[in-house]
Amino acid sequence: MKIFVINGPNLNMLGIREPEIYDKGTYAELVSLIEEEAEKLQVELELFQSNHEGELVDIIQSAYSRADGIVINPAAYTHTSVALLDALKAVGLPTVEVHISNPDEREDFRKVSYIRGACAKTISGHGFVGYQEAMRWLCGKL
C-alpha cells in the first residue's frame, strides 16, 4: 500500500510559526514522525510540502494510479481552494483531511473547509498525532 501525505502552505515553518497554536514541534520532527508511522504500518510513503496551490494540485493529480490513499493538510488552502477540492474529486482516492490545530475553535473563516467534500474523514486538533491517526485509518479502510 502507498500513501501520499501532502502538506500545504506555511507548514514548513512549524516550530517558528505561532507555537501557541501549532506547538513547538518542527516540520522536520513532523516528517520523522510520519516516516516512523509508515514504517510501523509497512506502507510506502510519499511526503510533500508546498506553499503553492498549483503545485499541490499537481501532486494530488500525480497520486492517481500511484497511491492508494491521501492524507492532506491543506493549511490555509482549506478555506479557499476549489482547485484542491476538484483535484481530490478527480483522483477519487480515499482522503483524510488533517489539521494540527482545531479550525472550529479559531477565526470564523477557518470553520469552512472547501476540501472536506472530497474527504472520507477529518481529524482536527490532535497535533502531529493526527497524521498517525489518519494513516492508521486509511490502512484500516484499504
C-alpha atoms as a PDB file:
ATOM      1  CA  MET A   1       0.000   0.000   0.000  1.00  0.00           C
ATOM      2  CA  LYS A   2       1.147   3.532  -0.774  1.00  0.00           C
ATOM      3  CA  ILE A   3       0.035   6.733   0.964  1.00  0.00           C
ATOM      4  CA  PHE A   4       0.697  10.293  -0.121  1.00  0.00           C
ATOM      5  CA  VAL A   5       0.989  12.777   2.753  1.00  0.00           C
ATOM      6  CA  ILE A   6       0.541  16.306   1.422  1.00  0.00           C
ATOM      7  CA  ASN A   7       1.145  19.482   3.426  1.00  0.00           C
ATOM      8  CA  GLY A   8       0.167  22.971   2.352  1.00  0.00           C
ATOM      9  CA  PRO A   9       1.470  26.473   2.900  1.00  0.00           C
ATOM     10  CA  ASN A  10       3.470  27.562   5.919  1.00  0.00           C
ATOM     11  CA  LEU A  11       3.726  24.087   7.421  1.00  0.00           C
ATOM     12  CA  ASN A  12       7.437  24.244   6.618  1.00  0.00           C
ATOM     13  CA  MET A  13       7.518  26.990   9.293  1.00  0.00           C
ATOM     14  CA  LEU A  14       6.338  24.731  12.123  1.00  0.00           C
ATOM     15  CA  GLY A  15       8.266  25.410  15.310  1.00  0.00           C
ATOM     16  CA  ILE A  16       8.585  29.073  14.342  1.00  0.00           C
ATOM     17  CA  ARG A  17       5.042  29.973  13.319  1.00  0.00           C
ATOM     18  CA  GLU A  18       2.589  30.648  16.156  1.00  0.00           C
ATOM     19  CA  PRO A  19       3.830  27.981  18.602  1.00  0.00           C
ATOM     20  CA  GLU A  20       0.906  28.824  20.921  1.00  0.00           C
ATOM     21  CA  ILE A  21      -1.374  27.368  18.206  1.00  0.00           C
ATOM     22  CA  TYR A  22       0.808  24.766  16.468  1.00  0.00           C
ATOM     23  CA  ASP A  23       3.121  23.846  19.376  1.00  0.00           C
ATOM     24  CA  LYS A  24       6.914  23.941  19.145  1.00  0.00           C
ATOM     25  CA  GLY A  25       7.496  20.849  17.034  1.00  0.00           C
ATOM     26  CA  THR A  26       9.347  21.499  13.794  1.00  0.00           C
ATOM     27  CA  TYR A  27       8.474  20.358  10.305  1.00  0.00           C
ATOM     28  CA  ALA A  28      11.498  18.032  10.402  1.00  0.00           C
ATOM     29  CA  GLU A  29      10.074  16.434  13.558  1.00  0.00           C
ATOM     30  CA  LEU A  30       6.690  16.014  11.868  1.00  0.00           C
ATOM     31  CA  VAL A  31       8.333  14.372   8.861  1.00  0.00           C
ATOM     32  CA  SER A  32      10.206  11.977  11.141  1.00  0.00           C
ATOM     33  CA  LEU A  33       7.001  11.036  12.971  1.00  0.00           C
ATOM     34  CA  ILE A  34       5.185  10.380   9.677  1.00  0.00           C
ATOM     35  CA  GLU A  35       8.064   8.283   8.329  1.00  0.00           C
ATOM     36  CA  GLU A  36       8.197   6.220  11.534  1.00  0.00           C
ATOM     37  CA  GLU A  37       4.442   5.596  11.336  1.00  0.00           C
ATOM     38  CA  ALA A  38       4.710   4.495   7.697  1.00  0.00           C
ATOM     39  CA  GLU A  39       7.417   2.041   8.679  1.00  0.00           C
ATOM     40  CA  LYS A  40       5.286   0.635  11.526  1.00  0.00           C
ATOM     41  CA  LEU A  41       2.317   0.279   9.190  1.00  0.00           C
ATOM     42  CA  GLN A  42       4.539  -1.177   6.468  1.00  0.00           C
ATOM     43  CA  VAL A  43       3.250   1.244   3.863  1.00  0.00           C
ATOM     44  CA  GLU A  44       5.141   3.056   1.161  1.00  0.00           C
ATOM     45  CA  LEU A  45       5.121   6.799   1.699  1.00  0.00           C
ATOM     46  CA  GLU A  46       5.466   9.856  -0.480  1.00  0.00           C
ATOM     47  CA  LEU A  47       5.646  13.054   1.526  1.00  0.00           C
ATOM     48  CA  PHE A  48       5.206  16.540   0.088  1.00  0.00           C
ATOM     49  CA  GLN A  49       5.012  20.152   1.259  1.00  0.00           C
ATOM     50  CA  SER A  50       4.407  23.178  -0.896  1.00  0.00           C
ATOM     51  CA  ASN A  51       3.403  26.778  -0.413  1.00  0.00           C
ATOM     52  CA  HIS A  52       1.991  26.890  -3.966  1.00  0.00           C
ATOM     53  CA  GLU A  53      -1.585  25.895  -4.784  1.00  0.00           C
ATOM     54  CA  GLY A  54      -0.856  24.771  -8.344  1.00  0.00           C
ATOM     55  CA  GLU A  55       1.982  22.550  -7.184  1.00  0.00           C
ATOM     56  CA  LEU A  56      -0.342  20.932  -4.633  1.00  0.00           C
ATOM     57  CA  VAL A  57      -2.872  20.280  -7.415  1.00  0.00           C
ATOM     58  CA  ASP A  58      -0.110  18.647  -9.486  1.00  0.00           C
ATOM     59  CA  ILE A  59       0.901  16.454  -6.543  1.00  0.00           C
ATOM     60  CA  ILE A  60      -2.692  15.339  -5.955  1.00  0.00           C
ATOM     61  CA  GLN A  61      -3.120  14.547  -9.639  1.00  0.00           C
ATOM     62  CA  SER A  62       0.126  12.553  -9.621  1.00  0.00           C
ATOM     63  CA  ALA A  63      -1.374  10.304  -6.930  1.00  0.00           C
ATOM     64  CA  TYR A  64      -3.830   8.920  -9.481  1.00  0.00           C
ATOM     65  CA  SER A  65      -2.825   5.303 -10.196  1.00  0.00           C
ATOM     66  CA  ARG A  66       0.264   5.718  -7.957  1.00  0.00           C
ATOM     67  CA  ALA A  67      -1.249   5.863  -4.461  1.00  0.00           C
ATOM     68  CA  ASP A  68      -3.928   4.043  -2.513  1.00  0.00           C
ATOM     69  CA  GLY A  69      -4.853   6.953  -0.265  1.00  0.00           C
ATOM     70  CA  ILE A  70      -4.049  10.546   0.651  1.00  0.00           C
ATOM     71  CA  VAL A  71      -3.530  12.350   3.934  1.00  0.00           C
ATOM     72  CA  ILE A  72      -3.727  16.089   3.342  1.00  0.00           C
ATOM     73  CA  ASN A  73      -3.266  19.148   5.494  1.00  0.00           C
ATOM     74  CA  PRO A  74      -4.130  21.880   3.016  1.00  0.00           C
ATOM     75  CA  ALA A  75      -3.469  24.537   5.688  1.00  0.00           C
ATOM     76  CA  ALA A  76      -4.824  27.944   4.603  1.00  0.00           C
ATOM     77  CA  TYR A  77      -5.984  26.487   1.270  1.00  0.00           C
ATOM     78  CA  THR A  78      -8.576  24.530   3.261  1.00  0.00           C
ATOM     79  CA  HIS A  79     -10.696  27.660   3.350  1.00  0.00           C
ATOM     80  CA  THR A  80     -10.103  28.973  -0.161  1.00  0.00           C
ATOM     81  CA  SER A  81      -9.237  26.307  -2.706  1.00  0.00           C
ATOM     82  CA  VAL A  82     -11.829  24.877  -5.022  1.00  0.00           C
ATOM     83  CA  ALA A  83      -8.849  23.748  -7.130  1.00  0.00           C
ATOM     84  CA  LEU A  84      -7.693  21.329  -4.397  1.00  0.00           C
ATOM     85  CA  LEU A  85     -11.263  20.077  -3.964  1.00  0.00           C
ATOM     86  CA  ASP A  86     -11.582  19.428  -7.697  1.00  0.00           C
ATOM     87  CA  ALA A  87      -8.210  17.658  -7.845  1.00  0.00           C
ATOM     88  CA  LEU A  88      -9.165  15.363  -4.940  1.00  0.00           C
ATOM     89  CA  LYS A  89     -12.507  14.589  -6.583  1.00  0.00           C
ATOM     90  CA  ALA A  90     -10.766  13.895  -9.890  1.00  0.00           C
ATOM     91  CA  VAL A  91      -8.372  11.296  -8.483  1.00  0.00           C
ATOM     92  CA  GLY A  92     -11.096   9.690  -6.361  1.00  0.00           C
ATOM     93  CA  LEU A  93      -8.752   8.273  -3.720  1.00  0.00           C
ATOM     94  CA  PRO A  94      -9.720   7.801  -0.071  1.00  0.00           C
ATOM     95  CA  THR A  95      -8.548  11.004   1.584  1.00  0.00           C
ATOM     96  CA  VAL A  96      -8.222  12.151   5.184  1.00  0.00           C
ATOM     97  CA  GLU A  97      -8.108  15.882   5.931  1.00  0.00           C
ATOM     98  CA  VAL A  98      -5.799  16.682   8.852  1.00  0.00           C
ATOM     99  CA  HIS A  99      -5.322  19.878  10.844  1.00  0.00           C
ATOM    100  CA  ILE A 100      -2.803  20.279  13.662  1.00  0.00           C
ATOM    101  CA  SER A 101      -4.991  22.866  15.379  1.00  0.00           C
ATOM    102  CA  ASN A 102      -8.772  22.818  15.567  1.00  0.00           C
ATOM    103  CA  PRO A 103     -10.065  25.288  12.958  1.00  0.00           C
ATOM    104  CA  ASP A 104     -13.517  25.259  14.576  1.00  0.00           C
ATOM    105  CA  GLU A 105     -12.025  26.945  17.646  1.00  0.00           C
ATOM    106  CA  ARG A 106     -10.329  29.704  15.670  1.00  0.00           C
ATOM    107  CA  GLU A 107     -11.439  32.562  13.426  1.00  0.00           C
ATOM    108  CA  ASP A 108     -14.833  32.194  11.741  1.00  0.00           C
ATOM    109  CA  PHE A 109     -13.386  31.906   8.230  1.00  0.00           C
ATOM    110  CA  ARG A 110     -11.416  28.825   9.297  1.00  0.00           C
ATOM    111  CA  LYS A 111     -14.643  26.934  10.041  1.00  0.00           C
ATOM    112  CA  VAL A 112     -15.263  26.452   6.312  1.00  0.00           C
ATOM    113  CA  SER A 113     -13.421  23.624   4.555  1.00  0.00           C
ATOM    114  CA  TYR A 114     -13.730  23.517   0.791  1.00  0.00           C
ATOM    115  CA  ILE A 115     -11.927  20.201   0.521  1.00  0.00           C
ATOM    116  CA  ARG A 116     -13.966  18.359   3.139  1.00  0.00           C
ATOM    117  CA  GLY A 117     -16.452  17.380   0.424  1.00  0.00           C
ATOM    118  CA  ALA A 118     -13.799  15.135  -1.128  1.00  0.00           C
ATOM    119  CA  CYS A 119     -12.576  13.611   2.149  1.00  0.00           C
ATOM    120  CA  ALA A 120     -13.744  10.460   3.872  1.00  0.00           C
ATOM    121  CA  LYS A 121     -12.644  11.720   7.292  1.00  0.00           C
ATOM    122  CA  THR A 122     -11.354  14.848   9.038  1.00  0.00           C
ATOM    123  CA  ILE A 123      -9.018  14.850  12.039  1.00  0.00           C
ATOM    124  CA  SER A 124      -8.536  18.230  13.735  1.00  0.00           C
ATOM    125  CA  GLY A 125      -6.846  19.481  16.849  1.00  0.00           C
ATOM    126  CA  HIS A 126      -4.794  16.380  17.638  1.00  0.00           C
ATOM    127  CA  GLY A 127      -1.436  17.958  16.840  1.00  0.00           C
ATOM    128  CA  PHE A 128       1.111  15.873  14.973  1.00  0.00           C
ATOM    129  CA  VAL A 129      -0.576  12.685  16.219  1.00  0.00           C
ATOM    130  CA  GLY A 130      -3.452  13.456  13.852  1.00  0.00           C
ATOM    131  CA  TYR A 131      -1.240  12.382  10.946  1.00  0.00           C
ATOM    132  CA  GLN A 132      -0.618   8.998  12.568  1.00  0.00           C
ATOM    133  CA  GLU A 133      -4.354   8.596  13.202  1.00  0.00           C
ATOM    134  CA  ALA A 134      -5.094   9.434   9.565  1.00  0.00           C
ATOM    135  CA  MET A 135      -2.577   6.927   8.251  1.00  0.00           C
ATOM    136  CA  ARG A 136      -3.907   4.187  10.542  1.00  0.00           C
ATOM    137  CA  TRP A 137      -7.471   4.984   9.499  1.00  0.00           C
ATOM    138  CA  LEU A 138      -6.551   4.714   5.829  1.00  0.00           C
ATOM    139  CA  CYS A 139      -4.797   1.407   6.419  1.00  0.00           C
ATOM    140  CA  GLY A 140      -7.923   0.084   8.103  1.00  0.00           C
ATOM    141  CA  LYS A 141     -10.111   1.166   5.180  1.00  0.00           C
ATOM    142  CA  LEU A 142      -7.915  -0.011   2.307  1.00  0.00           C
END
